[in-house]
Amino acid sequence: MTLQPLADQIIVQLPKQEEERQVNGIILASTIQKEQDTQGVVIAVGSGRLMENGTRVTPEVSVGDKVIFAKYAGTEIANKEERLLILKERDIMAIVKPDEPGIRVVH
């Protein structure tokens, strides 16, 4: 299956999810874990948002960017063994740039 996002939609590949996690000796299934992914890698970008005057705004993110997005943004889908998220560009809060001193991502 090939996915092509439309307009200002972005497809982000989420990290692989562990099937189960052990917390203090208790095994939790992945479906009841509270933590939501908020980071991923952009794998496809739509053509951009269409303005009322007919011009198109080019997306600020591009394929390969590591991004941080809003906690409950988008729609998660399963494609083969990948976890993908389709979301609007406005739900992306930041692009993670490697090796910038003084910036760290807090989970």
PDB file of N, CA and C in Angstrom:
ATOM      1  N   MET A   1       0.848  -1.173   0.000  1.00  0.00           N
ATOM      2  CA  MET A   1       0.000   0.000   0.000  1.00  0.00           C
ATOM      3  C   MET A   1       0.892   1.235   0.000  1.00  0.00           C
ATOM      4  N   THR A   2       0.620   2.143  -0.904  1.00  0.00           N
ATOM      5  CA  THR A   2       1.342   3.404  -0.981  1.00  0.00           C
ATOM      6  C   THR A   2       0.399   4.513  -0.543  1.00  0.00           C
ATOM      7  N   LEU A   3       0.875   5.372   0.349  1.00  0.00           N
ATOM      8  CA  LEU A   3       0.066   6.476   0.848  1.00  0.00           C
ATOM      9  C   LEU A   3       0.622   7.792   0.340  1.00  0.00           C
ATOM     10  N   GLN A   4      -0.242   8.640  -0.209  1.00  0.00           N
ATOM     11  CA  GLN A   4       0.133   9.976  -0.640  1.00  0.00           C
ATOM     12  C   GLN A   4      -0.731  10.962   0.131  1.00  0.00           C
ATOM     13  N   PRO A   5      -0.137  11.734   1.054  1.00  0.00           N
ATOM     14  CA  PRO A   5      -0.930  12.692   1.818  1.00  0.00           C
ATOM     15  C   PRO A   5      -1.424  13.830   0.934  1.00  0.00           C
ATOM     16  N   LEU A   6      -2.582  14.344   1.238  1.00  0.00           N
ATOM     17  CA  LEU A   6      -3.181  15.432   0.472  1.00  0.00           C
ATOM     18  C   LEU A   6      -3.008  16.753   1.214  1.00  0.00           C
ATOM     19  N   ALA A   7      -2.950  17.836   0.468  1.00  0.00           N
ATOM     20  CA  ALA A   7      -2.908  19.211   0.993  1.00  0.00           C
ATOM     21  C   ALA A   7      -1.889  19.361   2.111  1.00  0.00           C
ATOM     22  N   ASP A   8      -2.337  19.728   3.318  1.00  0.00           N
ATOM     23  CA  ASP A   8      -1.407  19.991   4.420  1.00  0.00           C
ATOM     24  C   ASP A   8      -1.248  18.793   5.355  1.00  0.00           C
ATOM     25  N   GLN A   9      -1.540  17.595   4.844  1.00  0.00           N
ATOM     26  CA  GLN A   9      -1.392  16.382   5.646  1.00  0.00           C
ATOM     27  C   GLN A   9       0.052  15.884   5.568  1.00  0.00           C
ATOM     28  N   ILE A  10       0.509  15.282   6.661  1.00  0.00           N
ATOM     29  CA  ILE A  10       1.872  14.756   6.786  1.00  0.00           C
ATOM     30  C   ILE A  10       1.756  13.315   7.283  1.00  0.00           C
ATOM     31  N   ILE A  11       2.597  12.432   6.771  1.00  0.00           N
ATOM     32  CA  ILE A  11       2.645  11.058   7.289  1.00  0.00           C
ATOM     33  C   ILE A  11       3.947  10.891   8.049  1.00  0.00           C
ATOM     34  N   VAL A  12       3.811  10.461   9.306  1.00  0.00           N
ATOM     35  CA  VAL A  12       4.950  10.297  10.199  1.00  0.00           C
ATOM     36  C   VAL A  12       5.058   8.829  10.584  1.00  0.00           C
ATOM     37  N   GLN A  13       6.275   8.299  10.507  1.00  0.00           N
ATOM     38  CA  GLN A  13       6.519   6.925  10.957  1.00  0.00           C
ATOM     39  C   GLN A  13       6.830   6.983  12.445  1.00  0.00           C
ATOM     40  N   LEU A  14       6.071   6.221  13.225  1.00  0.00           N
ATOM     41  CA  LEU A  14       6.262   6.171  14.664  1.00  0.00           C
ATOM     42  C   LEU A  14       7.280   5.100  15.022  1.00  0.00           C
ATOM     43  N   PRO A  15       7.943   5.241  16.178  1.00  0.00           N
ATOM     44  CA  PRO A  15       8.885   4.195  16.588  1.00  0.00           C
ATOM     45  C   PRO A  15       8.152   2.878  16.816  1.00  0.00           C
ATOM     46  N   LYS A  16       8.882   1.785  16.645  1.00  0.00           N
ATOM     47  CA  LYS A  16       8.270   0.476  16.884  1.00  0.00           C
ATOM     48  C   LYS A  16       7.850   0.378  18.331  1.00  0.00           C
ATOM     49  N   GLN A  17       6.660  -0.160  18.545  1.00  0.00           N
ATOM     50  CA  GLN A  17       6.109  -0.264  19.887  1.00  0.00           C
ATOM     51  C   GLN A  17       6.421  -1.632  20.468  1.00  0.00           C
ATOM     52  N   GLU A  18       6.849  -1.627  21.713  1.00  0.00           N
ATOM     53  CA  GLU A  18       7.121  -2.894  22.389  1.00  0.00           C
ATOM     54  C   GLU A  18       5.791  -3.590  22.635  1.00  0.00           C
ATOM     55  N   GLU A  19       5.777  -4.898  22.477  1.00  0.00           N
ATOM     56  CA  GLU A  19       4.547  -5.646  22.668  1.00  0.00           C
ATOM     57  C   GLU A  19       4.071  -5.612  24.110  1.00  0.00           C
ATOM     58  N   GLU A  20       4.997  -5.680  25.027  1.00  0.00           N
ATOM     59  CA  GLU A  20       4.622  -5.606  26.428  1.00  0.00           C
ATOM     60  C   GLU A  20       5.739  -4.961  27.215  1.00  0.00           C
ATOM     61  N   ARG A  21       5.400  -4.369  28.325  1.00  0.00           N
ATOM     62  CA  ARG A  21       6.360  -3.676  29.166  1.00  0.00           C
ATOM     63  C   ARG A  21       6.178  -4.159  30.592  1.00  0.00           C
ATOM     64  N   GLN A  22       7.289  -4.370  31.272  1.00  0.00           N
ATOM     65  CA  GLN A  22       7.213  -4.847  32.644  1.00  0.00           C
ATOM     66  C   GLN A  22       7.437  -3.674  33.584  1.00  0.00           C
ATOM     67  N   VAL A  23       6.485  -3.452  34.489  1.00  0.00           N
ATOM     68  CA  VAL A  23       6.570  -2.385  35.472  1.00  0.00           C
ATOM     69  C   VAL A  23       6.415  -3.009  36.850  1.00  0.00           C
ATOM     70  N   ASN A  24       7.476  -2.976  37.634  1.00  0.00           N
ATOM     71  CA  ASN A  24       7.450  -3.549  38.986  1.00  0.00           C
ATOM     72  C   ASN A  24       6.926  -4.981  39.006  1.00  0.00           C
ATOM     73  N   GLY A  25       7.344  -5.767  38.031  1.00  0.00           N
ATOM     74  CA  GLY A  25       6.943  -7.170  37.993  1.00  0.00           C
ATOM     75  C   GLY A  25       5.604  -7.418  37.325  1.00  0.00           C
ATOM     76  N   ILE A  26       4.889  -6.378  36.937  1.00  0.00           N
ATOM     77  CA  ILE A  26       3.583  -6.517  36.282  1.00  0.00           C
ATOM     78  C   ILE A  26       3.774  -6.286  34.792  1.00  0.00           C
ATOM     79  N   ILE A  27       3.262  -7.182  33.981  1.00  0.00           N
ATOM     80  CA  ILE A  27       3.391  -7.059  32.535  1.00  0.00           C
ATOM     81  C   ILE A  27       2.149  -6.363  31.991  1.00  0.00           C
ATOM     82  N   LEU A  28       2.378  -5.261  31.268  1.00  0.00           N
ATOM     83  CA  LEU A  28       1.282  -4.490  30.682  1.00  0.00           C
ATOM     84  C   LEU A  28       1.263  -4.694  29.174  1.00  0.00           C
ATOM     85  N   ALA A  29       0.101  -4.979  28.648  1.00  0.00           N
ATOM     86  CA  ALA A  29      -0.033  -5.084  27.196  1.00  0.00           C
ATOM     87  C   ALA A  29       0.101  -3.700  26.589  1.00  0.00           C
ATOM     88  N   SER A  30       0.554  -3.632  25.345  1.00  0.00           N
ATOM     89  CA  SER A  30       0.771  -2.333  24.696  1.00  0.00           C
ATOM     90  C   SER A  30      -0.517  -1.536  24.568  1.00  0.00           C
ATOM     91  N   THR A  31      -1.664  -2.197  24.543  1.00  0.00           N
ATOM     92  CA  THR A  31      -2.927  -1.490  24.359  1.00  0.00           C
ATOM     93  C   THR A  31      -3.354  -0.703  25.589  1.00  0.00           C
ATOM     94  N   ILE A  32      -2.783  -1.002  26.767  1.00  0.00           N
ATOM     95  CA  ILE A  32      -3.189  -0.273  27.959  1.00  0.00           C
ATOM     96  C   ILE A  32      -2.093   0.635  28.495  1.00  0.00           C
ATOM     97  N   GLN A  33      -1.001   0.757  27.767  1.00  0.00           N
ATOM     98  CA  GLN A  33       0.052   1.661  28.193  1.00  0.00           C
ATOM     99  C   GLN A  33      -0.429   3.093  28.009  1.00  0.00           C
ATOM    100  N   LYS A  34      -0.144   3.955  28.981  1.00  0.00           N
ATOM    101  CA  LYS A  34      -0.646   5.326  28.954  1.00  0.00           C
ATOM    102  C   LYS A  34       0.182   6.248  28.083  1.00  0.00           C
ATOM    103  N   GLU A  35       1.449   5.955  27.890  1.00  0.00           N
ATOM    104  CA  GLU A  35       2.319   6.858  27.156  1.00  0.00           C
ATOM    105  C   GLU A  35       1.961   6.869  25.669  1.00  0.00           C
ATOM    106  N   GLN A  36       1.818   8.048  25.133  1.00  0.00           N
ATOM    107  CA  GLN A  36       1.564   8.209  23.715  1.00  0.00           C
ATOM    108  C   GLN A  36       2.849   8.677  23.046  1.00  0.00           C
ATOM    109  N   ASP A  37       3.098   8.208  21.839  1.00  0.00           N
ATOM    110  CA  ASP A  37       4.263   8.687  21.100  1.00  0.00           C
ATOM    111  C   ASP A  37       4.028  10.133  20.695  1.00  0.00           C
ATOM    112  N   THR A  38       5.066  10.932  20.812  1.00  0.00           N
ATOM    113  CA  THR A  38       4.975  12.329  20.392  1.00  0.00           C
ATOM    114  C   THR A  38       6.122  12.691  19.456  1.00  0.00           C
ATOM    115  N   GLN A  39       6.875  11.696  19.003  1.00  0.00           N
ATOM    116  CA  GLN A  39       7.974  11.920  18.069  1.00  0.00           C
ATOM    117  C   GLN A  39       7.910  10.896  16.953  1.00  0.00           C
ATOM    118  N   GLY A  40       8.419  11.279  15.816  1.00  0.00           N
ATOM    119  CA  GLY A  40       8.482  10.361  14.689  1.00  0.00           C
ATOM    120  C   GLY A  40       9.263  10.985  13.550  1.00  0.00           C
ATOM    121  N   VAL A  41       9.360  10.236  12.455  1.00  0.00           N
ATOM    122  CA  VAL A  41      10.098  10.685  11.281  1.00  0.00           C
ATOM    123  C   VAL A  41       9.122  10.869  10.128  1.00  0.00           C
ATOM    124  N   VAL A  42       9.206  12.020   9.469  1.00  0.00           N
ATOM    125  CA  VAL A  42       8.329  12.326   8.341  1.00  0.00           C
ATOM    126  C   VAL A  42       8.710  11.441   7.154  1.00  0.00           C
ATOM    127  N   ILE A  43       7.722  10.716   6.609  1.00  0.00           N
ATOM    128  CA  ILE A  43       8.005   9.856   5.455  1.00  0.00           C
ATOM    129  C   ILE A  43       7.276  10.316   4.197  1.00  0.00           C
ATOM    130  N   ALA A  44       6.284  11.213   4.347  1.00  0.00           N
ATOM    131  CA  ALA A  44       5.591  11.759   3.175  1.00  0.00           C
ATOM    132  C   ALA A  44       4.951  13.087   3.551  1.00  0.00           C
ATOM    133  N   VAL A  45       4.930  14.005   2.583  1.00  0.00           N
ATOM    134  CA  VAL A  45       4.403  15.351   2.806  1.00  0.00           C
ATOM    135  C   VAL A  45       3.441  15.692   1.682  1.00  0.00           C
ATOM    136  N   GLY A  46       2.304  16.275   2.035  1.00  0.00           N
ATOM    137  CA  GLY A  46       1.340  16.718   1.031  1.00  0.00           C
ATOM    138  C   GLY A  46       1.852  17.951   0.290  1.00  0.00           C
ATOM    139  N   SER A  47       1.070  18.428  -0.649  1.00  0.00           N
ATOM    140  CA  SER A  47       1.492  19.552  -1.483  1.00  0.00           C
ATOM    141  C   SER A  47       1.391  20.898  -0.778  1.00  0.00           C
ATOM    142  N   GLY A  48       0.727  20.971   0.356  1.00  0.00           N
ATOM    143  CA  GLY A  48       0.623  22.220   1.109  1.00  0.00           C
ATOM    144  C   GLY A  48      -0.807  22.698   1.219  1.00  0.00           C
ATOM    145  N   ARG A  49      -1.006  23.622   2.142  1.00  0.00           N
ATOM    146  CA  ARG A  49      -2.339  24.175   2.409  1.00  0.00           C
ATOM    147  C   ARG A  49      -2.728  25.136   1.290  1.00  0.00           C
ATOM    148  N   LEU A  50      -3.969  25.019   0.850  1.00  0.00           N
ATOM    149  CA  LEU A  50      -4.485  25.894  -0.199  1.00  0.00           C
ATOM    150  C   LEU A  50      -5.156  27.102   0.454  1.00  0.00           C
ATOM    151  N   MET A  51      -4.683  28.296   0.118  1.00  0.00           N
ATOM    152  CA  MET A  51      -5.231  29.526   0.681  1.00  0.00           C
ATOM    153  C   MET A  51      -6.485  29.935  -0.092  1.00  0.00           C
ATOM    154  N   GLU A  52      -7.260  30.863   0.479  1.00  0.00           N
ATOM    155  CA  GLU A  52      -8.495  31.317  -0.155  1.00  0.00           C
ATOM    156  C   GLU A  52      -8.254  31.995  -1.505  1.00  0.00           C
ATOM    157  N   ASN A  53      -7.077  32.615  -1.663  1.00  0.00           N
ATOM    158  CA  ASN A  53      -6.788  33.304  -2.929  1.00  0.00           C
ATOM    159  C   ASN A  53      -6.236  32.352  -4.002  1.00  0.00           C
ATOM    160  N   GLY A  54      -6.172  31.046  -3.693  1.00  0.00           N
ATOM    161  CA  GLY A  54      -5.743  30.055  -4.677  1.00  0.00           C
ATOM    162  C   GLY A  54      -4.268  29.698  -4.630  1.00  0.00           C
ATOM    163  N   THR A  55      -3.495  30.398  -3.830  1.00  0.00           N
ATOM    164  CA  THR A  55      -2.073  30.051  -3.715  1.00  0.00           C
ATOM    165  C   THR A  55      -1.902  28.916  -2.712  1.00  0.00           C
ATOM    166  N   ARG A  56      -0.808  28.209  -2.855  1.00  0.00           N
ATOM    167  CA  ARG A  56      -0.527  27.078  -1.988  1.00  0.00           C
ATOM    168  C   ARG A  56       0.660  27.406  -1.099  1.00  0.00           C
ATOM    169  N   VAL A  57       0.526  27.147   0.216  1.00  0.00           N
ATOM    170  CA  VAL A  57       1.599  27.386   1.177  1.00  0.00           C
ATOM    171  C   VAL A  57       2.438  26.116   1.269  1.00  0.00           C
ATOM    172  N   THR A  58       3.713  26.213   0.949  1.00  0.00           N
ATOM    173  CA  THR A  58       4.617  25.072   0.980  1.00  0.00           C
ATOM    174  C   THR A  58       4.824  24.601   2.420  1.00  0.00           C
ATOM    175  N   PRO A  59       4.772  23.296   2.671  1.00  0.00           N
ATOM    176  CA  PRO A  59       4.994  22.787   4.026  1.00  0.00           C
ATOM    177  C   PRO A  59       6.399  23.120   4.541  1.00  0.00           C
ATOM    178  N   GLU A  60       6.504  23.345   5.851  1.00  0.00           N
ATOM    179  CA  GLU A  60       7.793  23.650   6.466  1.00  0.00           C
ATOM    180  C   GLU A  60       8.611  22.403   6.749  1.00  0.00           C
ATOM    181  N   VAL A  61       7.965  21.246   6.826  1.00  0.00           N
ATOM    182  CA  VAL A  61       8.683  20.000   7.079  1.00  0.00           C
ATOM    183  C   VAL A  61       8.940  19.286   5.770  1.00  0.00           C
ATOM    184  N   SER A  62       9.938  18.414   5.773  1.00  0.00           N
ATOM    185  CA  SER A  62      10.232  17.632   4.577  1.00  0.00           C
ATOM    186  C   SER A  62      10.520  16.196   4.981  1.00  0.00           C
ATOM    187  N   VAL A  63      10.518  15.328   4.013  1.00  0.00           N
ATOM    188  CA  VAL A  63      10.759  13.906   4.250  1.00  0.00           C
ATOM    189  C   VAL A  63      12.118  13.731   4.941  1.00  0.00           C
ATOM    190  N   GLY A  64      12.137  12.928   5.993  1.00  0.00           N
ATOM    191  CA  GLY A  64      13.364  12.661   6.732  1.00  0.00           C
ATOM    192  C   GLY A  64      13.495  13.473   8.006  1.00  0.00           C
ATOM    193  N   ASP A  65      12.687  14.530   8.169  1.00  0.00           N
ATOM    194  CA  ASP A  65      12.742  15.331   9.390  1.00  0.00           C
ATOM    195  C   ASP A  65      12.219  14.530  10.574  1.00  0.00           C
ATOM    196  N   LYS A  66      12.922  14.630  11.706  1.00  0.00           N
ATOM    197  CA  LYS A  66      12.408  14.071  12.955  1.00  0.00           C
ATOM    198  C   LYS A  66      11.597  15.177  13.604  1.00  0.00           C
ATOM    199  N   VAL A  67      10.348  14.875  13.962  1.00  0.00           N
ATOM    200  CA  VAL A  67       9.447  15.903  14.456  1.00  0.00           C
ATOM    201  C   VAL A  67       8.830  15.530  15.797  1.00  0.00           C
ATOM    202  N   ILE A  68       8.395  16.568  16.505  1.00  0.00           N
ATOM    203  CA  ILE A  68       7.618  16.409  17.733  1.00  0.00           C
ATOM    204  C   ILE A  68       6.238  16.965  17.419  1.00  0.00           C
ATOM    205  N   PHE A  69       5.199  16.197  17.779  1.00  0.00           N
ATOM    206  CA  PHE A  69       3.837  16.612  17.463  1.00  0.00           C
ATOM    207  C   PHE A  69       2.963  16.545  18.704  1.00  0.00           C
ATOM    208  N   ALA A  70       1.788  17.128  18.619  1.00  0.00           N
ATOM    209  CA  ALA A  70       0.843  17.157  19.732  1.00  0.00           C
ATOM    210  C   ALA A  70       0.477  15.740  20.155  1.00  0.00           C
ATOM    211  N   LYS A  71       0.240  15.570  21.442  1.00  0.00           N
ATOM    212  CA  LYS A  71       0.068  14.241  22.036  1.00  0.00           C
ATOM    213  C   LYS A  71      -1.044  13.403  21.401  1.00  0.00           C
ATOM    214  N   TYR A  72      -2.187  13.959  21.160  1.00  0.00           N
ATOM    215  CA  TYR A  72      -3.303  13.169  20.624  1.00  0.00           C
ATOM    216  C   TYR A  72      -3.653  13.565  19.192  1.00  0.00           C
ATOM    217  N   ALA A  73      -2.664  14.006  18.444  1.00  0.00           N
ATOM    218  CA  ALA A  73      -2.887  14.480  17.077  1.00  0.00           C
ATOM    219  C   ALA A  73      -2.979  13.328  16.089  1.00  0.00           C
ATOM    220  N   GLY A  74      -3.710  13.560  15.035  1.00  0.00           N
ATOM    221  CA  GLY A  74      -3.704  12.657  13.896  1.00  0.00           C
ATOM    222  C   GLY A  74      -4.446  11.353  14.067  1.00  0.00           C
ATOM    223  N   THR A  75      -4.299  10.527  13.051  1.00  0.00           N
ATOM    224  CA  THR A  75      -4.924   9.208  12.994  1.00  0.00           C
ATOM    225  C   THR A  75      -3.842   8.175  12.788  1.00  0.00           C
ATOM    226  N   GLU A  76      -3.751   7.220  13.698  1.00  0.00           N
ATOM    227  CA  GLU A  76      -2.734   6.175  13.598  1.00  0.00           C
ATOM    228  C   GLU A  76      -3.265   5.042  12.725  1.00  0.00           C
ATOM    229  N   ILE A  77      -2.410   4.572  11.820  1.00  0.00           N
ATOM    230  CA  ILE A  77      -2.776   3.435  10.978  1.00  0.00           C
ATOM    231  C   ILE A  77      -1.631   2.431  10.984  1.00  0.00           C
ATOM    232  N   ALA A  78      -1.949   1.198  10.661  1.00  0.00           N
ATOM    233  CA  ALA A  78      -0.934   0.154  10.566  1.00  0.00           C
ATOM    234  C   ALA A  78      -0.739  -0.182   9.102  1.00  0.00           C
ATOM    235  N   ASN A  79       0.500  -0.161   8.655  1.00  0.00           N
ATOM    236  CA  ASN A  79       0.844  -0.488   7.281  1.00  0.00           C
ATOM    237  C   ASN A  79       1.927  -1.551   7.345  1.00  0.00           C
ATOM    238  N   LYS A  80       1.574  -2.787   7.054  1.00  0.00           N
ATOM    239  CA  LYS A  80       2.483  -3.917   7.192  1.00  0.00           C
ATOM    240  C   LYS A  80       2.937  -3.974   8.647  1.00  0.00           C
ATOM    241  N   GLU A  81       4.222  -3.796   8.898  1.00  0.00           N
ATOM    242  CA  GLU A  81       4.711  -3.839  10.274  1.00  0.00           C
ATOM    243  C   GLU A  81       5.067  -2.449  10.782  1.00  0.00           C
ATOM    244  N   GLU A  82       4.730  -1.414  10.022  1.00  0.00           N
ATOM    245  CA  GLU A  82       5.024  -0.041  10.422  1.00  0.00           C
ATOM    246  C   GLU A  82       3.833   0.565  11.145  1.00  0.00           C
ATOM    247  N   ARG A  83       4.127   1.483  12.044  1.00  0.00           N
ATOM    248  CA  ARG A  83       3.097   2.298  12.680  1.00  0.00           C
ATOM    249  C   ARG A  83       3.216   3.691  12.084  1.00  0.00           C
ATOM    250  N   LEU A  84       2.137   4.145  11.467  1.00  0.00           N
ATOM    251  CA  LEU A  84       2.142   5.443  10.804  1.00  0.00           C
ATOM    252  C   LEU A  84       1.093   6.348  11.422  1.00  0.00           C
ATOM    253  N   LEU A  85       1.348   7.643  11.342  1.00  0.00           N
ATOM    254  CA  LEU A  85       0.415   8.633  11.834  1.00  0.00           C
ATOM    255  C   LEU A  85       0.189   9.653  10.728  1.00  0.00           C
ATOM    256  N   ILE A  86      -1.075   9.894  10.391  1.00  0.00           N
ATOM    257  CA  ILE A  86      -1.419  10.924   9.425  1.00  0.00           C
ATOM    258  C   ILE A  86      -1.951  12.109  10.221  1.00  0.00           C
ATOM    259  N   LEU A  87      -1.292  13.268  10.072  1.00  0.00           N
ATOM    260  CA  LEU A  87      -1.702  14.444  10.821  1.00  0.00           C
ATOM    261  C   LEU A  87      -1.550  15.702   9.990  1.00  0.00           C
ATOM    262  N   LYS A  88      -2.175  16.755  10.439  1.00  0.00           N
ATOM    263  CA  LYS A  88      -2.054  18.048   9.765  1.00  0.00           C
ATOM    264  C   LYS A  88      -0.741  18.700  10.174  1.00  0.00           C
ATOM    265  N   GLU A  89      -0.193  19.491   9.280  1.00  0.00           N
ATOM    266  CA  GLU A  89       1.076  20.148   9.563  1.00  0.00           C
ATOM    267  C   GLU A  89       0.982  21.031  10.806  1.00  0.00           C
ATOM    268  N   ARG A  90      -0.165  21.625  11.065  1.00  0.00           N
ATOM    269  CA  ARG A  90      -0.303  22.508  12.231  1.00  0.00           C
ATOM    270  C   ARG A  90      -0.158  21.760  13.557  1.00  0.00           C
ATOM    271  N   ASP A  91      -0.315  20.419  13.543  1.00  0.00           N
ATOM    272  CA  ASP A  91      -0.146  19.619  14.761  1.00  0.00           C
ATOM    273  C   ASP A  91       1.317  19.314  15.068  1.00  0.00           C
ATOM    274  N   ILE A  92       2.208  19.621  14.129  1.00  0.00           N
ATOM    275  CA  ILE A  92       3.639  19.430  14.363  1.00  0.00           C
ATOM    276  C   ILE A  92       4.149  20.667  15.086  1.00  0.00           C
ATOM    277  N   MET A  93       4.781  20.439  16.237  1.00  0.00           N
ATOM    278  CA  MET A  93       5.221  21.563  17.071  1.00  0.00           C
ATOM    279  C   MET A  93       6.675  21.934  16.845  1.00  0.00           C
ATOM    280  N   ALA A  94       7.516  20.970  16.424  1.00  0.00           N
ATOM    281  CA  ALA A  94       8.938  21.276  16.256  1.00  0.00           C
ATOM    282  C   ALA A  94       9.606  20.231  15.376  1.00  0.00           C
ATOM    283  N   ILE A  95      10.691  20.654  14.736  1.00  0.00           N
ATOM    284  CA  ILE A  95      11.591  19.751  14.025  1.00  0.00           C
ATOM    285  C   ILE A  95      12.803  19.577  14.925  1.00  0.00           C
ATOM    286  N   VAL A  96      13.193  18.330  15.180  1.00  0.00           N
ATOM    287  CA  VAL A  96      14.343  18.056  16.041  1.00  0.00           C
ATOM    288  C   VAL A  96      15.602  18.131  15.195  1.00  0.00           C
ATOM    289  N   LYS A  97      16.465  19.067  15.524  1.00  0.00           N
ATOM    290  CA  LYS A  97      17.731  19.245  14.819  1.00  0.00           C
ATOM    291  C   LYS A  97      18.832  18.578  15.640  1.00  0.00           C
ATOM    292  N   PRO A  98      19.641  17.713  15.048  1.00  0.00           N
ATOM    293  CA  PRO A  98      20.703  17.046  15.806  1.00  0.00           C
ATOM    294  C   PRO A  98      21.848  17.990  16.149  1.00  0.00           C
ATOM    295  N   ASP A  99      22.516  17.703  17.249  1.00  0.00           N
ATOM    296  CA  ASP A  99      23.749  18.384  17.656  1.00  0.00           C
ATOM    297  C   ASP A  99      23.618  19.886  17.857  1.00  0.00           C
ATOM    298  N   GLU A 100      22.504  20.338  18.388  1.00  0.00           N
ATOM    299  CA  GLU A 100      22.396  21.747  18.740  1.00  0.00           C
ATOM    300  C   GLU A 100      22.584  21.862  20.243  1.00  0.00           C
ATOM    301  N   PRO A 101      23.643  22.526  20.682  1.00  0.00           N
ATOM    302  CA  PRO A 101      23.893  22.625  22.114  1.00  0.00           C
ATOM    303  C   PRO A 101      22.807  23.411  22.830  1.00  0.00           C
ATOM    304  N   GLY A 102      22.501  22.971  24.049  1.00  0.00           N
ATOM    305  CA  GLY A 102      21.531  23.687  24.866  1.00  0.00           C
ATOM    306  C   GLY A 102      20.094  23.257  24.640  1.00  0.00           C
ATOM    307  N   ILE A 103      19.842  22.383  23.680  1.00  0.00           N
ATOM    308  CA  ILE A 103      18.480  21.922  23.426  1.00  0.00           C
ATOM    309  C   ILE A 103      18.424  20.429  23.731  1.00  0.00           C
ATOM    310  N   ARG A 104      17.459  20.053  24.543  1.00  0.00           N
ATOM    311  CA  ARG A 104      17.265  18.629  24.805  1.00  0.00           C
ATOM    312  C   ARG A 104      15.783  18.318  24.822  1.00  0.00           C
ATOM    313  N   VAL A 105      15.447  17.136  24.384  1.00  0.00           N
ATOM    314  CA  VAL A 105      14.044  16.712  24.333  1.00  0.00           C
ATOM    315  C   VAL A 105      13.734  15.999  25.627  1.00  0.00           C
ATOM    316  N   VAL A 106      12.682  16.436  26.305  1.00  0.00           N
ATOM    317  CA  VAL A 106      12.261  15.833  27.565  1.00  0.00           C
ATOM    318  C   VAL A 106      11.007  15.022  27.291  1.00  0.00           C
ATOM    319  N   HIS A 107      10.989  13.795  27.749  1.00  0.00           N
ATOM    320  CA  HIS A 107       9.819  12.920  27.525  1.00  0.00           C
ATOM    321  C   HIS A 107       8.856  13.075  28.655  1.00  0.00           C
TER     322      HIS A 107
END
